[in-house]
C-alpha atoms as a PDB file:
ATOM      1  CA  MET A   1       1.060 -32.078 -23.695  1.00  0.00           C
ATOM      2  CA  ASN A   2      -1.562 -29.505 -24.483  1.00  0.00           C
ATOM      3  CA  LYS A   3      -0.744 -25.874 -23.827  1.00  0.00           C
ATOM      4  CA  GLU A   4      -2.990 -24.324 -21.084  1.00  0.00           C
ATOM      5  CA  LYS A   5      -5.559 -21.944 -22.709  1.00  0.00           C
ATOM      6  CA  SER A   6      -5.225 -18.376 -21.536  1.00  0.00           C
ATOM      7  CA  ILE A   7      -6.939 -15.129 -21.255  1.00  0.00           C
ATOM      8  CA  SER A   8      -5.523 -11.676 -20.929  1.00  0.00           C
ATOM      9  CA  ILE A   9      -6.770  -8.843 -18.855  1.00  0.00           C
ATOM     10  CA  ASP A  10      -6.134  -6.702 -21.930  1.00  0.00           C
ATOM     11  CA  GLN A  11      -8.981  -8.380 -23.679  1.00  0.00           C
ATOM     12  CA  THR A  12     -11.609  -7.635 -21.042  1.00  0.00           C
ATOM     13  CA  GLY A  13     -12.098  -3.899 -21.325  1.00  0.00           C
ATOM     14  CA  GLN A  14     -15.389  -4.233 -23.120  1.00  0.00           C
ATOM     15  CA  VAL A  15     -16.763  -6.880 -20.746  1.00  0.00           C
ATOM     16  CA  GLN A  16     -15.759  -4.750 -17.721  1.00  0.00           C
ATOM     17  CA  ALA A  17     -17.656  -1.729 -19.078  1.00  0.00           C
ATOM     18  CA  VAL A  18     -20.836  -3.567 -20.066  1.00  0.00           C
ATOM     19  CA  VAL A  19     -20.944  -5.617 -16.744  1.00  0.00           C
ATOM     20  CA  ASP A  20     -20.665  -2.585 -14.720  1.00  0.00           C
ATOM     21  CA  GLU A  21     -23.400  -0.786 -16.747  1.00  0.00           C
ATOM     22  CA  THR A  22     -25.660  -3.622 -16.598  1.00  0.00           C
ATOM     23  CA  SER A  23     -25.221  -4.094 -12.725  1.00  0.00           C
ATOM     24  CA  ARG A  24     -26.070  -0.436 -12.126  1.00  0.00           C
ATOM     25  CA  GLY A  25     -29.043  -0.157  -9.860  1.00  0.00           C
ATOM     26  CA  LYS A  26     -29.152  -3.721  -9.177  1.00  0.00           C
ATOM     27  CA  ALA A  27     -26.025  -5.674  -7.779  1.00  0.00           C
ATOM     28  CA  GLN A  28     -22.495  -5.587  -8.799  1.00  0.00           C
ATOM     29  CA  VAL A  29     -21.442  -8.768 -10.950  1.00  0.00           C
ATOM     30  CA  ASP A  30     -17.887  -9.851 -11.029  1.00  0.00           C
ATOM     31  CA  TRP A  31     -16.631  -9.078 -14.515  1.00  0.00           C
ATOM     32  CA  ARG A  32     -13.960 -11.834 -14.170  1.00  0.00           C
ATOM     33  CA  TYR A  33     -16.610 -14.504 -14.210  1.00  0.00           C
ATOM     34  CA  VAL A  34     -18.459 -12.943 -17.115  1.00  0.00           C
ATOM     35  CA  SER A  35     -15.184 -12.599 -19.064  1.00  0.00           C
ATOM     36  CA  ALA A  36     -14.391 -16.232 -18.301  1.00  0.00           C
ATOM     37  CA  MET A  37     -17.815 -17.494 -19.455  1.00  0.00           C
ATOM     38  CA  ALA A  38     -17.590 -15.315 -22.392  1.00  0.00           C
ATOM     39  CA  GLU A  39     -14.336 -16.754 -23.410  1.00  0.00           C
ATOM     40  CA  VAL A  40     -15.549 -20.315 -23.170  1.00  0.00           C
ATOM     41  CA  LYS A  41     -19.036 -19.768 -24.884  1.00  0.00           C
ATOM     42  CA  TYR A  42     -18.184 -17.182 -27.474  1.00  0.00           C
ATOM     43  CA  GLY A  43     -14.545 -16.115 -27.488  1.00  0.00           C
ATOM     44  CA  ILE A  44     -14.131 -13.014 -25.664  1.00  0.00           C
ATOM     45  CA  GLU A  45     -13.049 -10.955 -28.709  1.00  0.00           C
ATOM     46  CA  GLU A  46     -16.020 -12.033 -30.701  1.00  0.00           C
ATOM     47  CA  ILE A  47     -18.762 -11.398 -28.117  1.00  0.00           C
ATOM     48  CA  SER A  48     -21.361  -8.652 -28.524  1.00  0.00           C
ATOM     49  CA  ASN A  49     -22.488  -6.135 -25.856  1.00  0.00           C
ATOM     50  CA  GLU A  50     -25.984  -7.645 -25.917  1.00  0.00           C
ATOM     51  CA  GLU A  51     -24.348 -11.172 -25.227  1.00  0.00           C
ATOM     52  CA  ILE A  52     -22.297  -9.637 -22.396  1.00  0.00           C
ATOM     53  CA  LYS A  53     -25.418  -8.134 -20.837  1.00  0.00           C
ATOM     54  CA  GLN A  54     -27.307 -11.590 -21.146  1.00  0.00           C
ATOM     55  CA  LEU A  55     -24.394 -13.316 -19.275  1.00  0.00           C
ATOM     56  CA  THR A  56     -24.299 -10.636 -16.581  1.00  0.00           C
ATOM     57  CA  ASN A  57     -28.015 -10.837 -16.020  1.00  0.00           C
ATOM     58  CA  GLN A  58     -27.591 -14.609 -15.415  1.00  0.00           C
ATOM     59  CA  PHE A  59     -25.879 -13.691 -12.021  1.00  0.00           C
ATOM     60  CA  ILE A  60     -28.501 -11.416 -10.733  1.00  0.00           C
ATOM     61  CA  THR A  61     -31.696 -12.601  -9.021  1.00  0.00           C
ATOM     62  CA  GLU A  62     -34.356 -10.532  -7.327  1.00  0.00           C
ATOM     63  CA  GLU A  63     -35.920 -11.603  -4.061  1.00  0.00           C
ATOM     64  CA  ASN A  64     -38.436  -9.534  -2.217  1.00  0.00           C
ATOM     65  CA  ASP A  65     -37.304  -6.424  -3.993  1.00  0.00           C
ATOM     66  CA  ASP A  66     -33.743  -7.106  -3.105  1.00  0.00           C
ATOM     67  CA  PHE A  67     -31.099  -7.971  -5.759  1.00  0.00           C
ATOM     68  CA  LYS A  68     -28.617 -10.710  -5.010  1.00  0.00           C
ATOM     69  CA  ILE A  69     -25.705 -12.396  -6.849  1.00  0.00           C
ATOM     70  CA  LYS A  70     -25.939 -16.196  -7.635  1.00  0.00           C
ATOM     71  CA  GLU A  71     -22.890 -18.351  -7.003  1.00  0.00           C
ATOM     72  CA  ILE A  72     -20.804 -19.104 -10.050  1.00  0.00           C
ATOM     73  CA  ASP A  73     -21.562 -22.965  -9.859  1.00  0.00           C
ATOM     74  CA  ARG A  74     -25.272 -22.237  -9.956  1.00  0.00           C
ATOM     75  CA  VAL A  75     -24.917 -20.006 -13.008  1.00  0.00           C
ATOM     76  CA  LEU A  76     -22.860 -22.535 -14.856  1.00  0.00           C
ATOM     77  CA  THR A  77     -25.174 -25.342 -14.062  1.00  0.00           C
ATOM     78  CA  GLU A  78     -28.191 -23.303 -15.213  1.00  0.00           C
ATOM     79  CA  ASN A  79     -26.554 -22.587 -18.449  1.00  0.00           C
ATOM     80  CA  GLU A  80     -25.698 -26.251 -18.988  1.00  0.00           C
ATOM     81  CA  TYR A  81     -21.894 -25.896 -19.035  1.00  0.00           C
ATOM     82  CA  SER A  82     -20.226 -29.259 -19.188  1.00  0.00           C
ATOM     83  CA  GLN A  83     -17.784 -30.108 -16.352  1.00  0.00           C
ATOM     84  CA  GLU A  84     -14.875 -29.429 -18.715  1.00  0.00           C
ATOM     85  CA  GLU A  85     -16.289 -25.923 -19.632  1.00  0.00           C
ATOM     86  CA  LYS A  86     -16.919 -25.301 -15.834  1.00  0.00           C
ATOM     87  CA  GLU A  87     -13.018 -26.046 -15.221  1.00  0.00           C
ATOM     88  CA  GLU A  88     -12.157 -23.702 -18.071  1.00  0.00           C
ATOM     89  CA  VAL A  89     -14.244 -20.945 -16.716  1.00  0.00           C
ATOM     90  CA  LYS A  90     -12.671 -21.341 -13.316  1.00  0.00           C
ATOM     91  CA  ASN A  91      -9.127 -21.467 -14.827  1.00  0.00           C
ATOM     92  CA  TYR A  92      -9.729 -18.307 -16.786  1.00  0.00           C
ATOM     93  CA  TYR A  93     -11.004 -16.619 -13.612  1.00  0.00           C
ATOM     94  CA  ASN A  94      -7.890 -17.523 -11.697  1.00  0.00           C
ATOM     95  CA  GLN A  95      -5.835 -16.296 -14.517  1.00  0.00           C
ATOM     96  CA  LEU A  96      -7.504 -12.893 -14.516  1.00  0.00           C
ATOM     97  CA  THR A  97      -7.269 -12.722 -10.717  1.00  0.00           C
ATOM     98  CA  ASP A  98      -3.571 -13.437 -10.816  1.00  0.00           C
ATOM     99  CA  GLN A  99      -2.941 -10.770 -13.428  1.00  0.00           C
ATOM    100  CA  ILE A 100      -4.841  -8.204 -11.316  1.00  0.00           C
ATOM    101  CA  GLU A 101      -2.700  -9.037  -8.235  1.00  0.00           C
ATOM    102  CA  ALA A 102       0.505  -8.804 -10.357  1.00  0.00           C
ATOM    103  CA  ALA A 103      -0.521  -5.437 -11.664  1.00  0.00           C
ATOM    104  CA  ASP A 104      -1.272  -4.299  -8.208  1.00  0.00           C
ATOM    105  CA  ASN A 105       2.161  -5.483  -6.815  1.00  0.00           C
ATOM    106  CA  ASN A 106       3.894  -3.739  -9.766  1.00  0.00           C
ATOM    107  CA  ASN A 107       2.125  -0.471  -8.972  1.00  0.00           C
ATOM    108  CA  LEU A 108       2.908  -0.706  -5.441  1.00  0.00           C
ATOM    109  CA  LYS A 109       6.590  -1.407  -6.085  1.00  0.00           C
ATOM    110  CA  LYS A 110       6.650   1.570  -8.523  1.00  0.00           C
ATOM    111  CA  MET A 111       5.057   3.821  -5.905  1.00  0.00           C
ATOM    112  CA  GLN A 112       7.499   2.593  -3.172  1.00  0.00           C
ATOM    113  CA  ARG A 113      10.552   3.183  -5.572  1.00  0.00           C
ATOM    114  CA  ASN A 114       9.366   6.609  -6.515  1.00  0.00           C
ATOM    115  CA  PHE A 115       8.930   7.437  -2.763  1.00  0.00           C
ATOM    116  CA  ILE A 116      12.544   6.441  -2.034  1.00  0.00           C
ATOM    117  CA  ASN A 117      13.969   8.193  -5.118  1.00  0.00           C
ATOM    118  CA  ASP A 118      12.126  11.331  -4.063  1.00  0.00           C
ATOM    119  CA  ILE A 119      13.578  11.395  -0.486  1.00  0.00           C
ATOM    120  CA  GLU A 120      17.072   9.839  -1.141  1.00  0.00           C
ATOM    121  CA  ALA A 121      19.012  12.951  -1.979  1.00  0.00           C
ATOM    122  CA  ILE A 122      17.485  14.940   0.768  1.00  0.00           C
ATOM    123  CA  ALA A 123      18.290  12.168   3.220  1.00  0.00           C
ATOM    124  CA  ILE A 124      21.881  12.151   2.180  1.00  0.00           C
ATOM    125  CA  GLU A 125      22.153  15.951   2.519  1.00  0.00           C
ATOM    126  CA  ASN A 126      20.572  15.641   5.986  1.00  0.00           C
ATOM    127  CA  TYR A 127      23.255  13.150   7.017  1.00  0.00           C
ATOM    128  CA  GLU A 128      26.088  15.635   6.099  1.00  0.00           C
ATOM    129  CA  THR A 129      24.444  18.092   8.590  1.00  0.00           C
ATOM    130  CA  TYR A 130      22.972  15.892  11.416  1.00  0.00           C
ATOM    131  CA  ARG A 131      24.706  12.434  10.947  1.00  0.00           C
ATOM    132  CA  ILE A 132      21.470  10.540  10.778  1.00  0.00           C
ATOM    133  CA  LEU A 133      21.888   7.748   8.338  1.00  0.00           C
ATOM    134  CA  PRO A 134      19.965   8.044   5.105  1.00  0.00           C
ATOM    135  CA  SER A 135      18.567   4.569   5.559  1.00  0.00           C
ATOM    136  CA  ILE A 136      17.142   5.656   8.981  1.00  0.00           C
ATOM    137  CA  THR A 137      15.602   8.906   7.629  1.00  0.00           C
ATOM    138  CA  ILE A 138      13.960   6.927   4.802  1.00  0.00           C
ATOM    139  CA  ALA A 139      12.830   4.113   6.800  1.00  0.00           C
ATOM    140  CA  GLN A 140      11.333   6.589   9.449  1.00  0.00           C
ATOM    141  CA  ALA A 141       9.507   8.520   6.636  1.00  0.00           C
ATOM    142  CA  ILE A 142       8.118   5.320   5.204  1.00  0.00           C
ATOM    143  CA  LEU A 143       6.889   3.888   8.624  1.00  0.00           C
ATOM    144  CA  GLU A 144       5.573   7.257  10.001  1.00  0.00           C
ATOM    145  CA  SER A 145       3.786   8.254   6.860  1.00  0.00           C
ATOM    146  CA  ASP A 146       2.784   5.001   5.242  1.00  0.00           C
ATOM    147  CA  TRP A 147       4.837   5.771   2.165  1.00  0.00           C
ATOM    148  CA  GLY A 148       3.448   9.278   1.995  1.00  0.00           C
ATOM    149  CA  ARG A 149      -0.238   8.083   2.006  1.00  0.00           C
ATOM    150  CA  SER A 150      -1.202   9.222   5.558  1.00  0.00           C
ATOM    151  CA  THR A 151      -3.236  12.294   5.952  1.00  0.00           C
ATOM    152  CA  LEU A 152      -0.449  14.049   7.892  1.00  0.00           C
ATOM    153  CA  SER A 153       1.984  13.570   5.034  1.00  0.00           C
ATOM    154  CA  SER A 154      -0.157  13.901   2.034  1.00  0.00           C
ATOM    155  CA  GLU A 155      -2.022  16.898   3.207  1.00  0.00           C
ATOM    156  CA  TYR A 156       0.479  18.684   5.638  1.00  0.00           C
ATOM    157  CA  ASN A 157       3.943  17.326   4.447  1.00  0.00           C
ATOM    158  CA  ASN A 158       4.800  15.901   7.870  1.00  0.00           C
ATOM    159  CA  TYR A 159       6.555  12.628   7.061  1.00  0.00           C
ATOM    160  CA  PHE A 160       7.860  11.742  10.559  1.00  0.00           C
ATOM    161  CA  GLY A 161       4.953  12.390  12.920  1.00  0.00           C
ATOM    162  CA  ILE A 162       6.685  15.213  14.665  1.00  0.00           C
ATOM    163  CA  LYS A 163       4.284  16.894  17.162  1.00  0.00           C
ATOM    164  CA  SER A 164       4.117  20.704  17.419  1.00  0.00           C
ATOM    165  CA  HIS A 165       5.670  21.084  20.906  1.00  0.00           C
ATOM    166  CA  ASN A 166       8.016  24.125  20.930  1.00  0.00           C
ATOM    167  CA  TRP A 167       6.858  24.894  17.370  1.00  0.00           C
ATOM    168  CA  ASP A 168       6.194  28.365  16.153  1.00  0.00           C
ATOM    169  CA  GLY A 169       4.858  27.481  12.715  1.00  0.00           C
ATOM    170  CA  GLU A 170       1.584  26.101  11.548  1.00  0.00           C
ATOM    171  CA  SER A 171       0.182  22.914  13.253  1.00  0.00           C
ATOM    172  CA  VAL A 172      -2.842  20.637  12.897  1.00  0.00           C
ATOM    173  CA  ASN A 173      -4.795  18.465  15.352  1.00  0.00           C
ATOM    174  CA  LEU A 174      -5.014  14.809  14.352  1.00  0.00           C
ATOM    175  CA  GLU A 175      -5.542  11.337  15.929  1.00  0.00           C
ATOM    176  CA  THR A 176      -2.352   9.230  16.471  1.00  0.00           C
ATOM    177  CA  LYS A 177      -1.904   5.618  17.673  1.00  0.00           C
ATOM    178  CA  GLU A 178       0.043   5.237  20.955  1.00  0.00           C
ATOM    179  CA  TYR A 179       1.272   1.955  22.454  1.00  0.00           C
ATOM    180  CA  TYR A 180      -0.507  -1.129  21.178  1.00  0.00           C
ATOM    181  CA  ASP A 181      -4.130  -0.125  20.914  1.00  0.00           C
ATOM    182  CA  GLU A 182      -4.496   3.334  22.169  1.00  0.00           C
ATOM    183  CA  THR A 183      -5.573   6.245  19.961  1.00  0.00           C
ATOM    184  CA  ILE A 184      -5.160   9.839  21.108  1.00  0.00           C
ATOM    185  CA  GLU A 185      -5.514  13.363  19.368  1.00  0.00           C
ATOM    186  CA  ASP A 186      -2.492  15.589  19.254  1.00  0.00           C
ATOM    187  CA  ALA A 187      -1.118  18.672  17.443  1.00  0.00           C
ATOM    188  CA  PHE A 188       1.541  18.096  14.616  1.00  0.00           C
ATOM    189  CA  ARG A 189       3.804  20.263  12.748  1.00  0.00           C
ATOM    190  CA  VAL A 190       2.755  21.396   9.119  1.00  0.00           C
ATOM    191  CA  TYR A 191       5.374  21.868   6.358  1.00  0.00           C
ATOM    192  CA  ASP A 192       5.379  23.488   2.946  1.00  0.00           C
ATOM    193  CA  GLN A 193       7.101  20.434   1.308  1.00  0.00           C
ATOM    194  CA  MET A 194       8.850  17.052   1.926  1.00  0.00           C
ATOM    195  CA  GLU A 195      12.271  18.713   2.031  1.00  0.00           C
ATOM    196  CA  ASP A 196      11.191  20.936   4.984  1.00  0.00           C
ATOM    197  CA  SER A 197       9.891  17.988   6.838  1.00  0.00           C
ATOM    198  CA  VAL A 198      13.159  15.976   6.255  1.00  0.00           C
ATOM    199  CA  LYS A 199      15.384  18.889   7.435  1.00  0.00           C
ATOM    200  CA  ASP A 200      13.320  19.566  10.468  1.00  0.00           C
ATOM    201  CA  HIS A 201      13.439  15.889  11.370  1.00  0.00           C
ATOM    202  CA  GLY A 202      17.309  16.071  11.486  1.00  0.00           C
ATOM    203  CA  GLU A 203      17.149  19.329  13.495  1.00  0.00           C
ATOM    204  CA  PHE A 204      14.608  17.881  15.966  1.00  0.00           C
ATOM    205  CA  LEU A 205      16.822  14.952  16.650  1.00  0.00           C
ATOM    206  CA  ALA A 206      19.915  17.054  17.050  1.00  0.00           C
ATOM    207  CA  THR A 207      18.261  19.557  19.490  1.00  0.00           C
ATOM    208  CA  HIS A 208      16.699  17.133  21.770  1.00  0.00           C
ATOM    209  CA  ASP A 209      19.352  15.837  24.296  1.00  0.00           C
ATOM    210  CA  ARG A 210      17.694  12.315  24.904  1.00  0.00           C
ATOM    211  CA  TYR A 211      18.714  11.246  21.384  1.00  0.00           C
ATOM    212  CA  LYS A 212      22.427  12.235  21.991  1.00  0.00           C
ATOM    213  CA  LYS A 213      22.194  10.425  25.503  1.00  0.00           C
ATOM    214  CA  ASN A 214      21.070   7.352  24.026  1.00  0.00           C
ATOM    215  CA  GLY A 215      23.792   7.172  21.439  1.00  0.00           C
ATOM    216  CA  LEU A 216      22.032   8.112  18.203  1.00  0.00           C
ATOM    217  CA  PHE A 217      24.859  10.242  16.833  1.00  0.00           C
ATOM    218  CA  ASN A 218      27.512   7.774  17.865  1.00  0.00           C
ATOM    219  CA  GLY A 219      25.762   4.956  15.849  1.00  0.00           C
ATOM    220  CA  THR A 220      27.496   4.082  12.602  1.00  0.00           C
ATOM    221  CA  THR A 221      25.105   1.467  11.398  1.00  0.00           C
ATOM    222  CA  TYR A 222      21.306   1.572  10.881  1.00  0.00           C
ATOM    223  CA  MET A 223      20.841  -1.111  13.526  1.00  0.00           C
ATOM    224  CA  GLU A 224      22.598   1.038  16.185  1.00  0.00           C
ATOM    225  CA  GLN A 225      20.649   4.095  15.188  1.00  0.00           C
ATOM    226  CA  ALA A 226      17.269   2.152  15.112  1.00  0.00           C
ATOM    227  CA  VAL A 227      17.808   0.981  18.536  1.00  0.00           C
ATOM    228  CA  ALA A 228      18.919   4.480  19.800  1.00  0.00           C
ATOM    229  CA  LEU A 229      15.709   5.965  18.494  1.00  0.00           C
ATOM    230  CA  GLN A 230      13.681   3.440  20.214  1.00  0.00           C
ATOM    231  CA  ASP A 231      15.539   3.803  23.636  1.00  0.00           C
ATOM    232  CA  ALA A 232      15.184   7.542  23.373  1.00  0.00           C
ATOM    233  CA  GLY A 233      11.422   7.127  22.979  1.00  0.00           C
ATOM    234  CA  TYR A 234      10.872   8.444  19.404  1.00  0.00           C
ATOM    235  CA  SER A 235       7.990   6.004  19.210  1.00  0.00           C
ATOM    236  CA  THR A 236       6.145   4.170  22.035  1.00  0.00           C
ATOM    237  CA  ILE A 237       4.716   1.582  19.693  1.00  0.00           C
ATOM    238  CA  GLU A 238       4.549  -1.863  21.361  1.00  0.00           C
ATOM    239  CA  ASN A 239       3.235  -5.369  20.270  1.00  0.00           C
ATOM    240  CA  GLU A 240       0.512  -7.286  22.095  1.00  0.00           C
ATOM    241  CA  GLN A 241       3.111  -8.422  24.713  1.00  0.00           C
ATOM    242  CA  GLY A 242       4.015  -4.889  25.573  1.00  0.00           C
ATOM    243  CA  GLU A 243       7.442  -5.201  23.857  1.00  0.00           C
ATOM    244  CA  LYS A 244       8.916  -2.112  22.155  1.00  0.00           C
ATOM    245  CA  ILE A 245       9.045  -2.982  18.407  1.00  0.00           C
ATOM    246  CA  TYR A 246      10.043   0.359  16.723  1.00  0.00           C
ATOM    247  CA  SER A 247      13.776  -0.506  15.952  1.00  0.00           C
ATOM    248  CA  ASP A 248      12.584  -3.862  14.593  1.00  0.00           C
ATOM    249  CA  GLN A 249      10.056  -2.152  12.343  1.00  0.00           C
ATOM    250  CA  LEU A 250      12.748   0.237  11.065  1.00  0.00           C
ATOM    251  CA  ALA A 251      15.339  -2.642  10.349  1.00  0.00           C
ATOM    252  CA  GLN A 252      12.641  -4.723   8.548  1.00  0.00           C
ATOM    253  CA  ILE A 253      11.974  -1.783   6.240  1.00  0.00           C
ATOM    254  CA  ILE A 254      15.621  -1.124   5.548  1.00  0.00           C
ATOM    255  CA  GLN A 255      16.367  -4.766   4.933  1.00  0.00           C
ATOM    256  CA  GLN A 256      13.291  -5.271   2.636  1.00  0.00           C
ATOM    257  CA  HIS A 257      14.109  -2.211   0.447  1.00  0.00           C
ATOM    258  CA  GLN A 258      17.835  -2.473   0.684  1.00  0.00           C
ATOM    259  CA  LEU A 259      18.224   1.088   2.091  1.00  0.00           C
ATOM    260  CA  GLN A 260      21.469   0.241   3.732  1.00  0.00           C
ATOM    261  CA  LEU A 261      23.076   0.443   0.140  1.00  0.00           C
ATOM    262  CA  ILE A 262      22.182   4.205   0.231  1.00  0.00           C
ATOM    263  CA  ASP A 263      24.245   4.427   3.516  1.00  0.00           C
ATOM    264  CA  SER A 264      27.254   3.049   1.561  1.00  0.00           C
ATOM    265  CA  LYS A 265      27.197   6.267  -0.602  1.00  0.00           C
ATOM    266  CA  VAL A 266      27.784   8.433   2.444  1.00  0.00           C
ATOM    267  CA  TYR A 267      30.913   6.500   3.454  1.00  0.00           C
ATOM    268  CA  GLN A 268      32.528   6.775   0.048  1.00  0.00           C
END
């Protein structure tokens, strides 16, 4: 049984640079196809810049002063690649695509782990003061701030979407989503750093009676506290059927990232 031929994304730096430069002012060619063709025709580590340019230009056609990209099958046929070579090109293309997706997933997981690590200690400390389970604090921060990537969190350090009602500090007006498909503009609190946002989150919940009345502080598991937050109206988010889904969203985040294991630390 023959071992499947392979290509590594680490080998494609030269190709990527030349393809992008050759595409400038015309139309962007997919460097993965050029890399795959280069590997089949020349060997990617042996190909010259001029040969990369020639392959790249095979994909570009000009019609009525408008540049367009040819389909890969057309380019391969015009360059008289055999059926076996065509299959090799597509195999290499798929390999490179898989490597890109794997790298993206690894980067995402690293970003997520760093976010959890950054907030974990503060969330545990907040539990000691306000009895909000760390898993709930972290899950809310993830959900409300999109892992710290939202404008409100990345620029204004508000990780929980807390509005500026009864707030003496700085605020900012931003759009927010309400219910299933309604977007409104409202004023939100601004903080100096993540720690300030986490601490104020605990104080906000502790000083609003509706959370106590709905059993938030009596809950000893993340499931109980997630439901209490939803019942108290922390979020009005609904699905298409008009069903409240905030507690389910929190639970899914906690389970996916095993945040309940952090809760076990506060019971030790």
